[in-house]
Amino acid sequence: MAVTIGTDGLVDTVAINPRALRKGAQAIEELTREAVREAQRDWFGRLAAQDPAPASKERLRARLEEIQAEYSLRMEEINRLMAGLLSTR
């Protein structure tokens, strides 16, 4: 599973390997969570490198927290969709 984040800080793409669908809902949830977190770390690192001033780091951290809250809601939606896909197999 792979997730990329756009320049706006929002999820841009999500790629799911079909093999992941065989692992069950809980495994898919964990794979998705880890992929999103890795994408967030990468995004935050790129932004911090562009503007390393301490005040900007705090702004970036606050924005990242907002984005994480939004991702949590999206993750719940993805998990419901994935569970629905798995239950119809």
C-alpha atoms as a PDB file:
ATOM      1  CA  MET A   1       0.000   0.000   0.000  1.00  0.00           C
ATOM      2  CA  ALA A   2       1.280   3.467  -0.846  1.00  0.00           C
ATOM      3  CA  VAL A   3      -0.035   6.949  -0.085  1.00  0.00           C
ATOM      4  CA  THR A   4       1.195  10.265  -1.418  1.00  0.00           C
ATOM      5  CA  ILE A   5       0.391  13.697  -0.087  1.00  0.00           C
ATOM      6  CA  GLY A   6       0.032  16.714  -2.339  1.00  0.00           C
ATOM      7  CA  THR A   7       1.527  20.135  -1.782  1.00  0.00           C
ATOM      8  CA  ASP A   8      -1.683  21.162   0.011  1.00  0.00           C
ATOM      9  CA  GLY A   9      -1.051  18.559   2.720  1.00  0.00           C
ATOM     10  CA  LEU A  10      -3.991  16.375   1.710  1.00  0.00           C
ATOM     11  CA  VAL A  11      -3.885  12.804   0.462  1.00  0.00           C
ATOM     12  CA  ASP A  12      -3.235  12.879  -3.263  1.00  0.00           C
ATOM     13  CA  THR A  13      -3.111   9.186  -4.166  1.00  0.00           C
ATOM     14  CA  VAL A  14      -3.739   5.838  -2.511  1.00  0.00           C
ATOM     15  CA  ALA A  15      -2.501   2.648  -4.156  1.00  0.00           C
ATOM     16  CA  ILE A  16      -3.695  -0.683  -2.792  1.00  0.00           C
ATOM     17  CA  ASN A  17      -2.003  -3.888  -3.841  1.00  0.00           C
ATOM     18  CA  PRO A  18      -4.684  -6.526  -4.550  1.00  0.00           C
ATOM     19  CA  ARG A  19      -2.814  -8.950  -2.288  1.00  0.00           C
ATOM     20  CA  ALA A  20      -3.614  -6.671   0.651  1.00  0.00           C
ATOM     21  CA  LEU A  21      -7.317  -7.388   0.173  1.00  0.00           C
ATOM     22  CA  ARG A  22      -6.702 -11.023   1.136  1.00  0.00           C
ATOM     23  CA  LYS A  23      -5.349 -10.058   4.548  1.00  0.00           C
ATOM     24  CA  GLY A  24      -8.614  -8.990   6.168  1.00  0.00           C
ATOM     25  CA  ALA A  25      -9.989  -5.685   7.385  1.00  0.00           C
ATOM     26  CA  GLN A  26      -7.722  -5.311  10.428  1.00  0.00           C
ATOM     27  CA  ALA A  27      -4.557  -5.839   8.381  1.00  0.00           C
ATOM     28  CA  ILE A  28      -5.782  -3.401   5.736  1.00  0.00           C
ATOM     29  CA  GLU A  29      -6.498  -0.809   8.425  1.00  0.00           C
ATOM     30  CA  GLU A  30      -2.969  -1.152   9.773  1.00  0.00           C
ATOM     31  CA  LEU A  31      -1.356  -1.054   6.318  1.00  0.00           C
ATOM     32  CA  THR A  32      -3.373   2.046   5.433  1.00  0.00           C
ATOM     33  CA  ARG A  33      -2.569   3.791   8.705  1.00  0.00           C
ATOM     34  CA  GLU A  34       1.153   3.111   8.287  1.00  0.00           C
ATOM     35  CA  ALA A  35       1.148   4.259   4.655  1.00  0.00           C
ATOM     36  CA  VAL A  36      -0.607   7.514   5.590  1.00  0.00           C
ATOM     37  CA  ARG A  37       1.750   8.130   8.513  1.00  0.00           C
ATOM     38  CA  GLU A  38       4.800   7.554   6.331  1.00  0.00           C
ATOM     39  CA  ALA A  39       3.424   9.962   3.725  1.00  0.00           C
ATOM     40  CA  GLN A  40       2.754  12.527   6.460  1.00  0.00           C
ATOM     41  CA  ARG A  41       6.295  12.211   7.836  1.00  0.00           C
ATOM     42  CA  ASP A  42       7.690  12.671   4.341  1.00  0.00           C
ATOM     43  CA  TRP A  43       5.452  15.699   3.688  1.00  0.00           C
ATOM     44  CA  PHE A  44       6.300  17.306   7.033  1.00  0.00           C
ATOM     45  CA  GLY A  45      10.004  16.737   6.457  1.00  0.00           C
ATOM     46  CA  ARG A  46       9.872  18.356   3.029  1.00  0.00           C
ATOM     47  CA  LEU A  47       8.046  21.395   4.390  1.00  0.00           C
ATOM     48  CA  ALA A  48      10.353  21.771   7.380  1.00  0.00           C
ATOM     49  CA  ALA A  49      13.366  21.643   5.060  1.00  0.00           C
ATOM     50  CA  GLN A  50      11.922  24.509   3.007  1.00  0.00           C
ATOM     51  CA  ASP A  51      11.342  26.793   6.023  1.00  0.00           C
ATOM     52  CA  PRO A  52      13.384  25.660   9.040  1.00  0.00           C
ATOM     53  CA  ALA A  53      12.552  28.642  11.302  1.00  0.00           C
ATOM     54  CA  PRO A  54      11.207  27.495  14.729  1.00  0.00           C
ATOM     55  CA  ALA A  55       7.965  29.457  14.368  1.00  0.00           C
ATOM     56  CA  SER A  56       7.254  27.837  11.026  1.00  0.00           C
ATOM     57  CA  LYS A  57       7.858  24.396  12.533  1.00  0.00           C
ATOM     58  CA  GLU A  58       5.127  25.085  15.063  1.00  0.00           C
ATOM     59  CA  ARG A  59       2.770  26.205  12.296  1.00  0.00           C
ATOM     60  CA  LEU A  60       3.600  23.079  10.337  1.00  0.00           C
ATOM     61  CA  ARG A  61       3.059  20.913  13.402  1.00  0.00           C
ATOM     62  CA  ALA A  62      -0.362  22.520  14.015  1.00  0.00           C
ATOM     63  CA  ARG A  63      -1.299  22.019  10.361  1.00  0.00           C
ATOM     64  CA  LEU A  64      -0.147  18.399  10.520  1.00  0.00           C
ATOM     65  CA  GLU A  65      -2.401  17.825  13.531  1.00  0.00           C
ATOM     66  CA  GLU A  66      -5.348  19.246  11.584  1.00  0.00           C
ATOM     67  CA  ILE A  67      -4.540  17.001   8.660  1.00  0.00           C
ATOM     68  CA  GLN A  68      -4.214  13.949  10.917  1.00  0.00           C
ATOM     69  CA  ALA A  69      -7.683  14.595  12.317  1.00  0.00           C
ATOM     70  CA  GLU A  70      -9.055  14.784   8.780  1.00  0.00           C
ATOM     71  CA  TYR A  71      -7.189  11.593   7.857  1.00  0.00           C
ATOM     72  CA  SER A  72      -8.754   9.815  10.819  1.00  0.00           C
ATOM     73  CA  LEU A  73     -12.180  10.562   9.425  1.00  0.00           C
ATOM     74  CA  ARG A  74     -11.120   9.458   5.956  1.00  0.00           C
ATOM     75  CA  MET A  75      -9.533   6.298   7.349  1.00  0.00           C
ATOM     76  CA  GLU A  76     -12.828   5.367   8.965  1.00  0.00           C
ATOM     77  CA  GLU A  77     -14.534   5.808   5.600  1.00  0.00           C
ATOM     78  CA  ILE A  78     -11.856   3.753   3.818  1.00  0.00           C
ATOM     79  CA  ASN A  79     -12.145   1.023   6.441  1.00  0.00           C
ATOM     80  CA  ARG A  80     -15.921   0.862   5.983  1.00  0.00           C
ATOM     81  CA  LEU A  81     -15.494   0.623   2.217  1.00  0.00           C
ATOM     82  CA  MET A  82     -12.803  -2.040   2.504  1.00  0.00           C
ATOM     83  CA  ALA A  83     -14.893  -4.061   4.950  1.00  0.00           C
ATOM     84  CA  GLY A  84     -17.775  -3.879   2.492  1.00  0.00           C
ATOM     85  CA  LEU A  85     -15.522  -5.096  -0.316  1.00  0.00           C
ATOM     86  CA  LEU A  86     -14.249  -7.962   1.802  1.00  0.00           C
ATOM     87  CA  SER A  87     -17.724  -9.018   2.871  1.00  0.00           C
ATOM     88  CA  THR A  88     -18.895  -9.305  -0.745  1.00  0.00           C
ATOM     89  CA  ARG A  89     -16.065 -11.636  -1.748  1.00  0.00           C
END
